[in-house]
Amino acid sequence: MDLEKQGAGRPVPPPRPSSPRQPEAAGEGCLVVAVRLPVRIFVFLVVLPVRMVWDACAVAVRWLDRAVFRPLGRALWWMGRAVFVWPLVGLWRYGLVPLGTALSWLGNLVVVVPAGWLYRHVLAPLGHALLAVLDRLTRYLVVVPGAWLYKWVLTPLGHAVARCAKGLAWLVGMLVTGIGTGLYWITRILFVLPLLAVWRWVLTPVGRVLAVVAREIGDALGHAWRVAGYVSLAVGRFLGALVRWAVVEPARWTYARVLTPVGHLVRDAVLRPAAEAGRAVGRAVRESLDSARATLRQARADLRRMLVGERRPTPVENRREPIGGDTRTLGSSTTALTKD
């Protein structure tokens, strides 16, 4: 009794719902168990190459998008703007808008203003006069005869037509009801009951089997696609590592450990001494050419001096005014008037 009382106060935990994707083993039939494993193996073998090709195409498309399509799209965008958008904008802004403004002003001046004047000063007074006369004519020529015709002719005729239509509708309804009842029972006996039997005893079991097969195929496809993704990722990483350790790392090691020291050795032992020797030879050649040029210039000057003689220096005439004590004054003897 104490145990029952202690257990009665505790809440009973709700039962855990089973996953719709993974039915319980007790609810699965032998057909599900027999179909699942072969279908999953076959679908995995079919899906794995497709997934690997899909991943390779996705990598190639991402590279093409990053390296080709985006720059090409930007170039085409700017080309399209330069070829189409900017000329159209210029045409709209500097051609169509001023032309539309001019046409609007011209239409207002030619059409709107005369039409407004005609409406205000001609049509409106004429319309008011005609409205005053037509009101009376309409009352005595249209309203009064129309009311009399509606009251004494159309109303009795309408009541008679309504009674006839009501009787005809009742007769048609009875005929349609009888014919519909007969057709209902004929259709039920000839079509509905056989179709219901076929649906209940043939199509429903076949549909359940096909639903189980389709569900298992769908689950197998999803499972195989995910597993093939992992396999494709592993293969891609393996190939990347293989290329890295087979090509990249040997090339890097060769460049760092072989080509770089050899290049430094060739630079220090061959290229730099050769460059220094070339610069020394160049300097020696330039100095030899300079000395030969100076010797030739000296020999040519000596030959000219022997043939022509020494050239007298050209006196330089000082045309400036004397400065300081050499300034010309009246008391100085340098002027022409006080010269002895």
Protein backbone atom coordinates (compact mmCIF):
# COMPACT_ATOMS: atom_id res chain seq x y z
CA MET A 1 0.00 0.00 0.00
CA ASP A 2 2.83 2.43 0.82
CA LEU A 3 4.57 1.67 -2.46
CA GLU A 4 1.34 2.18 -4.38
CA LYS A 5 0.79 5.51 -2.64
CA GLN A 6 4.38 6.66 -3.34
CA GLY A 7 4.09 5.72 -7.02
CA ALA A 8 0.68 7.35 -7.37
CA GLY A 9 2.01 10.86 -6.66
CA ARG A 10 4.69 10.82 -9.37
CA PRO A 11 3.84 11.92 -12.93
CA VAL A 12 3.94 9.20 -15.53
CA PRO A 13 6.49 10.07 -18.29
CA PRO A 14 4.95 10.23 -21.75
CA PRO A 15 6.00 7.56 -24.25
CA ARG A 16 8.77 8.62 -26.63
CA PRO A 17 7.45 9.00 -30.17
CA SER A 18 9.18 6.96 -32.79
CA SER A 19 10.92 8.79 -35.63
CA PRO A 20 8.96 8.88 -38.91
CA ARG A 21 12.16 8.30 -40.84
CA GLN A 22 13.15 5.22 -38.75
CA PRO A 23 10.09 3.08 -37.89
CA GLU A 24 10.29 0.67 -35.04
CA ALA A 25 11.47 -2.81 -35.72
CA ALA A 26 8.16 -4.24 -34.45
CA GLY A 27 6.19 -2.24 -37.05
CA GLU A 28 8.39 -3.19 -39.99
CA GLY A 29 7.34 -6.10 -42.09
CA CYS A 30 9.45 -8.72 -43.77
CA LEU A 31 9.08 -6.87 -47.09
CA VAL A 32 10.78 -3.77 -45.67
CA VAL A 33 13.65 -5.79 -44.19
CA ALA A 34 14.11 -7.77 -47.41
CA VAL A 35 14.08 -4.68 -49.66
CA ARG A 36 16.14 -2.21 -47.60
CA LEU A 37 19.67 -3.68 -47.68
CA PRO A 38 19.88 -4.60 -51.42
CA VAL A 39 18.29 -1.32 -52.42
CA ARG A 40 20.74 0.69 -50.32
CA ILE A 41 23.76 -1.21 -51.66
CA PHE A 42 22.63 -0.82 -55.29
CA VAL A 43 21.73 2.85 -54.86
CA PHE A 44 25.06 3.58 -53.15
CA LEU A 45 26.98 2.00 -56.04
CA VAL A 46 24.95 4.07 -58.51
CA VAL A 47 25.07 7.35 -56.57
CA LEU A 48 28.79 7.34 -55.68
CA PRO A 49 30.12 8.15 -59.22
CA VAL A 50 27.36 10.70 -59.67
CA ARG A 51 28.25 12.44 -56.40
CA MET A 52 31.96 12.49 -57.23
CA VAL A 53 31.26 13.94 -60.68
CA TRP A 54 28.88 16.43 -59.06
CA ASP A 55 31.54 17.59 -56.56
CA ALA A 56 34.16 17.90 -59.32
CA CYS A 57 31.75 19.94 -61.46
CA ALA A 58 30.89 22.12 -58.46
CA VAL A 59 34.58 22.86 -57.82
CA ALA A 60 35.13 23.63 -61.52
CA VAL A 61 32.07 25.88 -61.66
CA ARG A 62 33.18 27.80 -58.55
CA TRP A 63 36.63 28.32 -60.08
CA LEU A 64 35.13 29.44 -63.40
CA ASP A 65 32.75 31.78 -61.59
CA ARG A 66 35.58 33.33 -59.61
CA ALA A 67 38.16 33.52 -62.41
CA VAL A 68 36.12 33.95 -65.62
CA PHE A 69 32.43 34.68 -65.22
CA ARG A 70 32.63 37.48 -62.65
CA PRO A 71 35.32 39.53 -64.50
CA LEU A 72 33.53 38.87 -67.81
CA GLY A 73 30.20 39.90 -66.28
CA ARG A 74 31.70 43.11 -64.91
CA ALA A 75 33.24 43.90 -68.30
CA LEU A 76 29.95 43.20 -70.10
CA TRP A 77 28.08 45.29 -67.50
CA TRP A 78 30.32 48.30 -68.06
CA MET A 79 30.24 47.78 -71.82
CA GLY A 80 26.44 47.61 -71.75
CA ARG A 81 26.27 50.78 -69.68
CA ALA A 82 28.67 52.57 -72.02
CA VAL A 83 26.94 51.36 -75.21
CA PHE A 84 23.25 51.43 -74.23
CA VAL A 85 22.49 53.07 -70.89
CA TRP A 86 24.53 56.27 -71.11
CA PRO A 87 23.44 57.11 -74.70
CA LEU A 88 19.80 56.45 -73.81
CA VAL A 89 20.10 58.56 -70.67
CA GLY A 90 21.67 61.37 -72.67
CA LEU A 91 18.98 61.08 -75.35
CA TRP A 92 16.24 61.16 -72.70
CA ARG A 93 17.76 64.00 -70.73
CA TYR A 94 18.92 66.26 -73.53
CA GLY A 95 16.54 65.26 -76.36
CA LEU A 96 13.19 63.81 -75.32
CA VAL A 97 12.64 65.83 -72.16
CA PRO A 98 13.16 69.25 -73.82
CA LEU A 99 11.09 68.09 -76.83
CA GLY A 100 8.30 66.88 -74.55
CA THR A 101 8.35 70.15 -72.63
CA ALA A 102 8.11 72.13 -75.87
CA LEU A 103 5.27 69.94 -77.19
CA SER A 104 3.41 70.22 -73.88
CA TRP A 105 3.68 74.00 -73.91
CA LEU A 106 2.61 74.09 -77.58
CA GLY A 107 -0.35 71.76 -76.95
CA ASN A 108 -1.46 73.83 -74.00
CA LEU A 109 -1.25 76.97 -76.08
CA VAL A 110 -2.93 75.51 -79.20
CA VAL A 111 -5.50 73.07 -77.75
CA VAL A 112 -6.16 73.51 -74.04
CA VAL A 113 -6.55 77.27 -73.89
CA PRO A 114 -8.93 77.48 -76.94
CA ALA A 115 -10.91 74.45 -75.71
CA GLY A 116 -11.33 76.02 -72.26
CA TRP A 117 -12.45 79.30 -73.76
CA LEU A 118 -14.93 77.45 -76.05
CA TYR A 119 -16.32 75.43 -73.14
CA ARG A 120 -16.73 78.41 -70.81
CA HIS A 121 -18.16 80.92 -73.28
CA VAL A 122 -20.04 78.73 -75.82
CA LEU A 123 -20.81 75.15 -74.72
CA ALA A 124 -21.70 75.85 -71.09
CA PRO A 125 -24.35 78.58 -71.83
CA LEU A 126 -25.77 76.47 -74.70
CA GLY A 127 -25.96 73.40 -72.46
CA HIS A 128 -27.75 75.31 -69.68
CA ALA A 129 -30.34 76.59 -72.17
CA LEU A 130 -30.92 73.13 -73.69
CA LEU A 131 -31.18 71.56 -70.21
CA ALA A 132 -33.93 74.02 -69.20
CA VAL A 133 -35.96 73.26 -72.38
CA LEU A 134 -35.31 69.47 -72.42
CA ASP A 135 -36.40 69.03 -68.78
CA ARG A 136 -39.99 69.88 -69.66
CA LEU A 137 -39.98 67.98 -72.95
CA THR A 138 -38.58 64.87 -71.23
CA ARG A 139 -41.22 64.99 -68.51
CA TYR A 140 -44.22 65.15 -70.89
CA LEU A 141 -42.78 63.06 -73.73
CA VAL A 142 -40.94 60.29 -71.84
CA VAL A 143 -41.68 60.08 -68.09
CA VAL A 144 -45.50 60.27 -68.12
CA PRO A 145 -46.02 57.80 -71.05
CA GLY A 146 -43.42 55.48 -69.59
CA ALA A 147 -45.14 55.39 -66.16
CA TRP A 148 -48.52 54.67 -67.74
CA LEU A 149 -47.04 51.88 -69.92
CA TYR A 150 -45.29 50.29 -66.92
CA LYS A 151 -48.41 50.39 -64.72
CA TRP A 152 -51.10 49.17 -67.16
CA VAL A 153 -49.13 47.02 -69.65
CA LEU A 154 -45.74 45.76 -68.39
CA THR A 155 -46.82 44.90 -64.84
CA PRO A 156 -49.75 42.55 -65.77
CA LEU A 157 -47.68 41.03 -68.56
CA GLY A 158 -44.80 40.41 -66.16
CA HIS A 159 -47.03 38.71 -63.59
CA ALA A 160 -48.41 36.37 -66.27
CA VAL A 161 -44.93 35.55 -67.56
CA ALA A 162 -43.72 34.88 -63.98
CA ARG A 163 -46.58 32.40 -63.31
CA CYS A 164 -45.87 30.57 -66.57
CA ALA A 165 -42.13 30.46 -65.83
CA LYS A 166 -42.79 29.12 -62.30
CA GLY A 167 -44.97 26.26 -63.62
CA LEU A 168 -42.43 25.45 -66.33
CA ALA A 169 -39.61 25.45 -63.78
CA TRP A 170 -41.55 23.00 -61.53
CA LEU A 171 -42.12 20.66 -64.47
CA VAL A 172 -38.47 20.81 -65.54
CA GLY A 173 -37.36 20.22 -61.94
CA MET A 174 -39.48 17.09 -61.65
CA LEU A 175 -38.08 15.75 -64.92
CA VAL A 176 -34.51 16.52 -63.95
CA THR A 177 -34.98 14.92 -60.51
CA GLY A 178 -36.32 11.70 -62.00
CA ILE A 179 -33.65 11.49 -64.67
CA GLY A 180 -30.92 12.34 -62.12
CA THR A 181 -32.10 9.63 -59.72
CA GLY A 182 -32.08 7.04 -62.47
CA LEU A 183 -28.63 8.06 -63.69
CA TYR A 184 -27.31 8.05 -60.11
CA TRP A 185 -28.32 4.43 -59.50
CA ILE A 186 -27.14 3.34 -62.94
CA THR A 187 -23.76 5.01 -62.41
CA ARG A 188 -23.46 3.62 -58.89
CA ILE A 189 -24.18 0.05 -59.97
CA LEU A 190 -22.17 0.04 -63.19
CA PHE A 191 -19.14 2.18 -62.24
CA VAL A 192 -18.86 3.17 -58.58
CA LEU A 193 -19.20 -0.24 -56.93
CA PRO A 194 -16.75 -2.02 -59.34
CA LEU A 195 -14.25 0.83 -59.00
CA LEU A 196 -14.60 0.77 -55.22
CA ALA A 197 -13.95 -2.98 -55.16
CA VAL A 198 -10.89 -2.57 -57.42
CA TRP A 199 -9.59 0.26 -55.25
CA ARG A 200 -10.16 -1.61 -52.00
CA TRP A 201 -8.93 -5.10 -52.96
CA VAL A 202 -6.33 -4.37 -55.71
CA LEU A 203 -4.99 -0.84 -55.81
CA THR A 204 -4.67 -0.29 -52.06
CA PRO A 205 -2.41 -3.35 -51.40
CA VAL A 206 -0.34 -2.64 -54.50
CA GLY A 207 -0.08 1.00 -53.49
CA ARG A 208 1.10 0.06 -50.01
CA VAL A 209 3.81 -2.17 -51.47
CA LEU A 210 4.88 0.53 -53.93
CA ALA A 211 4.84 3.12 -51.13
CA VAL A 212 7.15 0.94 -49.03
CA VAL A 213 9.49 0.42 -52.01
CA ALA A 214 9.44 4.13 -52.91
CA ARG A 215 10.07 5.13 -49.29
CA GLU A 216 12.99 2.74 -49.01
CA ILE A 217 14.39 3.93 -52.33
CA GLY A 218 14.09 7.56 -51.16
CA ASP A 219 15.78 6.76 -47.83
CA ALA A 220 18.46 4.82 -49.68
CA LEU A 221 19.04 7.73 -52.05
CA GLY A 222 19.42 10.19 -49.18
CA HIS A 223 21.70 7.86 -47.24
CA ALA A 224 23.77 7.03 -50.32
CA TRP A 225 24.06 10.72 -51.27
CA ARG A 226 25.34 11.62 -47.80
CA VAL A 227 27.78 8.68 -47.66
CA ALA A 228 28.94 9.41 -51.21
CA GLY A 229 29.57 13.00 -50.12
CA TYR A 230 31.87 11.79 -47.36
CA VAL A 231 33.58 9.37 -49.75
CA SER A 232 33.98 12.11 -52.37
CA LEU A 233 35.41 14.46 -49.73
CA ALA A 234 37.85 11.79 -48.59
CA VAL A 235 38.87 11.04 -52.19
CA GLY A 236 39.34 14.75 -52.89
CA ARG A 237 41.46 15.19 -49.81
CA PHE A 238 43.47 12.09 -50.69
CA LEU A 239 44.09 13.36 -54.23
CA GLY A 240 44.97 16.81 -52.88
CA ALA A 241 47.40 15.27 -50.38
CA LEU A 242 48.81 13.01 -53.12
CA VAL A 243 49.40 15.95 -55.45
CA ARG A 244 50.85 17.93 -52.58
CA TRP A 245 53.31 15.24 -51.48
CA ALA A 246 54.07 14.03 -55.02
CA VAL A 247 54.45 17.39 -56.80
CA VAL A 248 54.23 20.44 -54.57
CA GLU A 249 56.40 19.38 -51.65
CA PRO A 250 59.20 17.87 -53.86
CA ALA A 251 59.13 21.00 -56.00
CA ARG A 252 59.27 23.21 -52.89
CA TRP A 253 62.06 21.12 -51.35
CA THR A 254 63.98 21.14 -54.64
CA TYR A 255 63.59 24.90 -54.94
CA ALA A 256 64.53 25.55 -51.31
CA ARG A 257 67.30 22.98 -50.87
CA VAL A 258 68.78 22.64 -54.39
CA LEU A 259 67.90 25.45 -56.76
CA THR A 260 68.27 28.28 -54.24
CA PRO A 261 71.79 27.28 -53.01
CA VAL A 262 72.87 26.53 -56.59
CA GLY A 263 71.50 29.89 -57.71
CA HIS A 264 73.29 31.68 -54.86
CA LEU A 265 76.50 29.80 -55.69
CA VAL A 266 76.22 30.66 -59.38
CA ARG A 267 75.43 34.27 -58.49
CA ASP A 268 78.35 34.60 -56.05
CA ALA A 269 80.88 32.51 -57.98
CA VAL A 270 80.07 33.27 -61.61
CA LEU A 271 77.66 36.11 -62.21
CA ARG A 272 79.06 38.69 -59.78
CA PRO A 273 82.74 38.12 -60.82
CA ALA A 274 81.66 38.21 -64.46
CA ALA A 275 79.75 41.43 -63.84
CA GLU A 276 82.73 42.96 -61.99
CA ALA A 277 85.07 41.89 -64.79
CA GLY A 278 82.68 43.33 -67.38
CA ARG A 279 82.48 46.64 -65.49
CA ALA A 280 86.31 46.72 -65.17
CA VAL A 281 86.69 46.01 -68.88
CA GLY A 282 84.15 48.70 -69.65
CA ARG A 283 85.99 51.22 -67.49
CA ALA A 284 89.31 50.31 -69.13
CA VAL A 285 87.81 50.62 -72.60
CA ARG A 286 86.23 53.99 -71.71
CA GLU A 287 89.54 55.25 -70.29
CA SER A 288 91.41 54.06 -73.41
CA LEU A 289 88.87 55.76 -75.66
CA ASP A 290 89.10 58.99 -73.62
CA SER A 291 92.92 59.00 -73.79
CA ALA A 292 92.85 58.22 -77.52
CA ARG A 293 90.30 60.99 -78.06
CA ALA A 294 92.43 63.47 -76.07
CA THR A 295 95.59 62.44 -78.00
CA LEU A 296 93.79 62.85 -81.34
CA ARG A 297 92.47 66.26 -80.28
CA GLN A 298 96.00 67.38 -79.24
CA ALA A 299 97.56 66.12 -82.50
CA ARG A 300 94.89 67.94 -84.52
CA ALA A 301 95.58 71.19 -82.60
CA ASP A 302 99.37 70.86 -83.16
CA LEU A 303 98.84 70.25 -86.89
CA ARG A 304 96.59 73.34 -87.19
CA ARG A 305 99.16 75.42 -85.31
CA MET A 306 101.94 74.25 -87.67
CA LEU A 307 99.93 75.02 -90.80
CA VAL A 308 98.00 78.17 -89.87
CA GLY A 309 99.90 79.60 -86.98
CA GLU A 310 98.81 80.71 -83.56
CA ARG A 311 95.34 82.15 -83.52
CA ARG A 312 95.17 85.58 -81.93
CA PRO A 313 92.66 85.97 -79.18
CA THR A 314 89.76 88.22 -80.14
CA PRO A 315 89.78 91.46 -78.09
CA VAL A 316 86.69 91.86 -76.04
CA GLU A 317 85.25 95.36 -76.25
CA ASN A 318 83.96 96.71 -72.98
CA ARG A 319 80.88 98.74 -73.81
CA ARG A 320 79.79 99.31 -70.27
CA GLU A 321 80.11 102.61 -68.45
CA PRO A 322 83.25 103.00 -66.25
CA ILE A 323 82.70 102.35 -62.58
CA GLY A 324 84.11 104.33 -59.62
CA GLY A 325 87.11 106.59 -60.39
CA ASP A 326 86.92 105.93 -64.16
CA THR A 327 83.64 107.77 -64.48
CA ARG A 328 83.62 110.46 -67.17
CA THR A 329 83.41 114.03 -65.71
CA LEU A 330 84.05 117.55 -66.98
CA GLY A 331 87.23 117.88 -64.88
CA SER A 332 88.69 114.63 -66.13
CA SER A 333 91.15 114.41 -69.01
CA THR A 334 89.38 111.46 -70.46
CA THR A 335 86.77 113.52 -72.25
CA ALA A 336 87.29 114.92 -75.76
CA LEU A 337 86.89 118.56 -74.63
CA THR A 338 89.65 118.54 -71.99
CA LYS A 339 92.06 116.27 -73.82
CA ASP A 340 95.60 117.91 -74.32
